Amino acid sequence: EIISSDGKLIGKYFTENRKLVTFEEISPEMINTLISTEDRRFYSHFGIDVRGLLSAFRDMLHGEPRGASTITQQLVKNMFKTRSQYSTGFLGSLPGLRMFVFKTKEWSAAIKLEAFYTKKEILEMYLNTVSFGSNAYGIHTASSTFFDTTPDKLNYEQSAVLVGLLKAITAYNPYLNPERSKGRRNVVINQLNSNGYIS
């Protein structure tokens, strides 16, 4: 950031537009919305949600594939780019093994992260690294970009829009696809209700 002598922001230079915040600077509504939607057993697993994994495998066998990545696994994917062409190795080039290689690396790194960091630190890292689209990396920039506010002031409705974006940052972008974004927001709000965060 370039700041003038009278304290005004003149400009920014960045590779990814982000400003880091602490866990305490993020509203509880945002934390609850993220956990309710992305990883409802976040506080009880060790980086891998075995119950969620078995459930996702059952759904896949019935022709209804869905994700089962924990917030910790998603953090690993964001931080270490585990799904890039440079991280597959020899086994990842063999047909049918690519996703297994990705997942194995993510599981291993997620377990290590959970061993060295608290749940609060993992949530803080995740919300500071994730992309929300529209060149908004991290919760501070996303709060400012989409709602002209700060992360500590996010309410459930705003949080639902931002967490909804994580599923597909272009498809659910409120600027590009307002109706889709609203529909996804409503799904996230229903999840909050189902998981007992709101009435």
Protein backbone atom coordinates (compact mmCIF):
# COMPACT_ATOMS: atom_id res chain seq x y z
CA GLU A 1 0.00 0.00 0.00
CA ILE A 2 1.21 3.50 -0.82
CA ILE A 3 0.07 6.00 1.80
CA SER A 4 0.48 9.76 1.57
CA SER A 5 2.09 11.84 4.33
CA ASP A 6 -1.41 12.80 5.56
CA GLY A 7 -2.36 9.11 5.96
CA LYS A 8 -4.50 8.63 2.84
CA LEU A 9 -4.26 5.50 0.68
CA ILE A 10 -2.92 6.50 -2.75
CA GLY A 11 -2.61 3.07 -4.33
CA LYS A 12 -1.91 -0.66 -3.99
CA TYR A 13 0.37 -3.13 -5.75
CA PHE A 14 -0.31 -6.82 -5.33
CA THR A 15 -0.21 -10.27 -6.83
CA GLU A 16 -3.33 -11.23 -4.89
CA ASN A 17 -5.49 -8.47 -3.41
CA ARG A 18 -5.62 -9.39 0.27
CA LYS A 19 -5.22 -7.92 3.75
CA LEU A 20 -4.73 -10.28 6.67
CA VAL A 21 -7.01 -10.18 9.71
CA THR A 22 -6.97 -12.03 13.04
CA PHE A 23 -9.63 -14.50 14.15
CA GLU A 24 -10.97 -11.89 16.60
CA GLU A 25 -11.52 -9.46 13.69
CA ILE A 26 -13.98 -11.85 12.00
CA SER A 27 -17.63 -11.84 13.04
CA PRO A 28 -18.97 -14.96 14.81
CA GLU A 29 -21.74 -14.98 12.17
CA MET A 30 -19.14 -15.50 9.44
CA ILE A 31 -17.41 -18.28 11.40
CA ASN A 32 -20.74 -20.03 12.08
CA THR A 33 -21.80 -19.72 8.44
CA LEU A 34 -18.52 -21.16 7.17
CA ILE A 35 -18.59 -24.13 9.55
CA SER A 36 -22.30 -24.82 9.01
CA THR A 37 -21.89 -24.92 5.23
CA GLU A 38 -18.39 -26.24 4.60
CA ASP A 39 -17.56 -28.51 7.56
CA ARG A 40 -20.17 -28.94 10.31
CA ARG A 41 -17.98 -31.40 12.26
CA PHE A 42 -14.96 -29.06 12.09
CA TYR A 43 -14.44 -28.94 15.86
CA SER A 44 -14.59 -32.73 16.29
CA HIS A 45 -12.37 -34.10 13.49
CA PHE A 46 -8.56 -34.28 13.16
CA GLY A 47 -8.34 -32.81 9.63
CA ILE A 48 -10.28 -35.58 7.90
CA ASP A 49 -14.02 -36.05 8.43
CA VAL A 50 -14.28 -39.83 8.24
CA ARG A 51 -18.10 -39.80 8.61
CA GLY A 52 -18.40 -37.23 5.84
CA LEU A 53 -16.02 -39.22 3.65
CA LEU A 54 -18.04 -42.44 4.05
CA SER A 55 -21.27 -40.56 3.39
CA ALA A 56 -19.82 -38.95 0.23
CA PHE A 57 -18.59 -42.38 -0.96
CA ARG A 58 -22.11 -43.82 -0.45
CA ASP A 59 -23.63 -40.90 -2.38
CA MET A 60 -21.12 -41.42 -5.19
CA LEU A 61 -22.15 -45.08 -5.49
CA HIS A 62 -25.77 -43.89 -5.90
CA GLY A 63 -24.77 -41.49 -8.70
CA GLU A 64 -24.85 -38.34 -6.53
CA PRO A 65 -21.22 -37.22 -6.21
CA ARG A 66 -20.41 -34.46 -3.71
CA GLY A 67 -17.38 -33.11 -1.92
CA ALA A 68 -16.21 -34.22 1.52
CA SER A 69 -13.20 -31.97 2.02
CA THR A 70 -12.84 -30.42 5.45
CA ILE A 71 -11.95 -26.76 5.94
CA THR A 72 -8.44 -27.94 6.86
CA GLN A 73 -8.12 -29.88 3.58
CA GLN A 74 -9.38 -26.86 1.64
CA LEU A 75 -6.76 -24.73 3.41
CA VAL A 76 -4.07 -27.21 2.35
CA LYS A 77 -5.33 -27.03 -1.25
CA ASN A 78 -5.29 -23.20 -1.19
CA MET A 79 -1.89 -22.83 0.49
CA PHE A 80 0.12 -25.57 -1.17
CA LYS A 81 -1.61 -25.79 -4.57
CA THR A 82 -1.83 -29.57 -4.22
CA ARG A 83 -3.82 -29.92 -7.42
CA SER A 84 -1.40 -28.17 -9.73
CA GLN A 85 0.42 -29.97 -12.53
CA TYR A 86 3.64 -29.75 -10.48
CA SER A 87 2.37 -31.68 -7.49
CA THR A 88 1.14 -34.92 -9.07
CA GLY A 89 4.39 -36.87 -9.41
CA PHE A 90 4.65 -40.13 -11.36
CA LEU A 91 1.59 -41.82 -9.82
CA GLY A 92 -0.55 -38.77 -10.58
CA SER A 93 0.15 -39.22 -14.28
CA LEU A 94 -1.35 -42.73 -14.29
CA PRO A 95 -5.03 -42.89 -15.36
CA GLY A 96 -7.45 -43.10 -12.45
CA LEU A 97 -4.86 -42.29 -9.77
CA ARG A 98 -4.68 -38.50 -10.15
CA MET A 99 -7.48 -37.69 -7.66
CA PHE A 100 -6.21 -40.33 -5.23
CA VAL A 101 -2.77 -38.69 -5.27
CA PHE A 102 -4.30 -35.24 -4.67
CA LYS A 103 -6.49 -36.49 -1.83
CA THR A 104 -3.69 -38.46 -0.15
CA LYS A 105 -1.47 -35.37 -0.09
CA GLU A 106 -4.32 -33.23 1.23
CA TRP A 107 -5.19 -35.75 3.98
CA SER A 108 -1.57 -36.05 5.10
CA ALA A 109 -0.99 -32.28 5.20
CA ALA A 110 -4.38 -31.66 6.90
CA ILE A 111 -3.50 -34.05 9.74
CA LYS A 112 -0.16 -32.25 10.19
CA LEU A 113 -1.84 -28.82 10.23
CA GLU A 114 -4.32 -30.01 12.86
CA ALA A 115 -1.41 -31.27 14.99
CA PHE A 116 0.47 -27.96 14.93
CA TYR A 117 -2.32 -25.34 14.84
CA THR A 118 -5.46 -24.66 16.86
CA LYS A 119 -8.89 -24.70 15.24
CA LYS A 120 -9.02 -20.90 15.54
CA GLU A 121 -5.68 -20.55 13.74
CA ILE A 122 -6.86 -22.87 10.96
CA LEU A 123 -10.06 -20.86 10.48
CA GLU A 124 -8.05 -17.62 10.48
CA MET A 125 -5.59 -18.97 7.88
CA TYR A 126 -8.41 -20.34 5.72
CA LEU A 127 -10.41 -17.10 5.68
CA ASN A 128 -7.26 -15.09 4.92
CA THR A 129 -6.20 -17.27 1.97
CA VAL A 130 -9.40 -18.30 0.20
CA SER A 131 -10.44 -16.58 -3.05
CA PHE A 132 -13.93 -15.08 -3.23
CA GLY A 133 -13.61 -14.04 -6.90
CA SER A 134 -13.67 -10.48 -8.27
CA ASN A 135 -9.97 -10.25 -7.35
CA ALA A 136 -10.90 -10.53 -3.65
CA TYR A 137 -8.53 -12.82 -1.74
CA GLY A 138 -9.29 -13.29 1.93
CA ILE A 139 -12.21 -12.23 4.08
CA HIS A 140 -11.09 -8.60 4.57
CA THR A 141 -10.96 -7.83 0.86
CA ALA A 142 -14.15 -9.80 0.18
CA SER A 143 -16.06 -7.90 2.90
CA SER A 144 -14.90 -4.62 1.42
CA THR A 145 -15.43 -5.62 -2.23
CA PHE A 146 -18.94 -7.03 -1.90
CA PHE A 147 -20.41 -5.16 1.10
CA ASP A 148 -18.16 -2.13 1.76
CA THR A 149 -17.66 -3.30 5.33
CA THR A 150 -15.11 -5.07 7.52
CA PRO A 151 -15.09 -8.77 8.53
CA ASP A 152 -16.08 -8.02 12.14
CA LYS A 153 -19.35 -6.41 10.97
CA LEU A 154 -20.56 -9.19 8.65
CA ASN A 155 -24.08 -10.43 9.47
CA TYR A 156 -25.59 -13.83 8.59
CA GLU A 157 -27.05 -12.69 5.27
CA GLN A 158 -23.76 -11.17 4.08
CA SER A 159 -21.82 -14.15 5.38
CA ALA A 160 -24.16 -16.50 3.51
CA VAL A 161 -23.44 -14.68 0.23
CA LEU A 162 -19.67 -14.90 0.79
CA VAL A 163 -19.67 -18.55 1.90
CA GLY A 164 -22.01 -19.33 -1.01
CA LEU A 165 -19.37 -17.93 -3.36
CA LEU A 166 -16.87 -20.58 -2.24
CA LYS A 167 -18.77 -23.29 -4.13
CA ALA A 168 -18.20 -21.50 -7.47
CA ILE A 169 -16.73 -18.00 -7.44
CA THR A 170 -18.03 -17.05 -10.89
CA ALA A 171 -21.38 -18.86 -10.95
CA TYR A 172 -22.43 -17.41 -7.57
CA ASN A 173 -20.82 -13.97 -7.91
CA PRO A 174 -23.45 -11.38 -6.86
CA TYR A 175 -22.20 -8.89 -9.47
CA LEU A 176 -22.17 -11.32 -12.38
CA ASN A 177 -25.08 -13.62 -11.43
CA PRO A 178 -27.27 -11.89 -8.82
CA GLU A 179 -30.17 -14.38 -9.01
CA ARG A 180 -27.91 -17.42 -8.74
CA SER A 181 -26.07 -15.74 -5.87
CA LYS A 182 -29.36 -15.11 -4.07
CA GLY A 183 -30.44 -18.73 -4.57
CA ARG A 184 -27.12 -20.03 -3.22
CA ARG A 185 -27.32 -17.56 -0.30
CA ASN A 186 -30.73 -19.02 0.57
CA VAL A 187 -29.32 -22.58 0.51
CA VAL A 188 -26.58 -21.47 2.95
CA ILE A 189 -29.16 -19.76 5.21
CA ASN A 190 -31.23 -22.98 5.22
CA GLN A 191 -28.06 -24.86 6.27
CA LEU A 192 -27.63 -22.41 9.16
CA ASN A 193 -31.20 -23.14 10.22
CA SER A 194 -30.80 -26.93 9.85
CA ASN A 195 -27.62 -26.87 11.95
CA GLY A 196 -29.22 -24.77 14.71
CA TYR A 197 -27.30 -21.52 14.26
CA ILE A 198 -30.41 -19.46 13.42
CA SER A 199 -34.17 -19.96 13.72
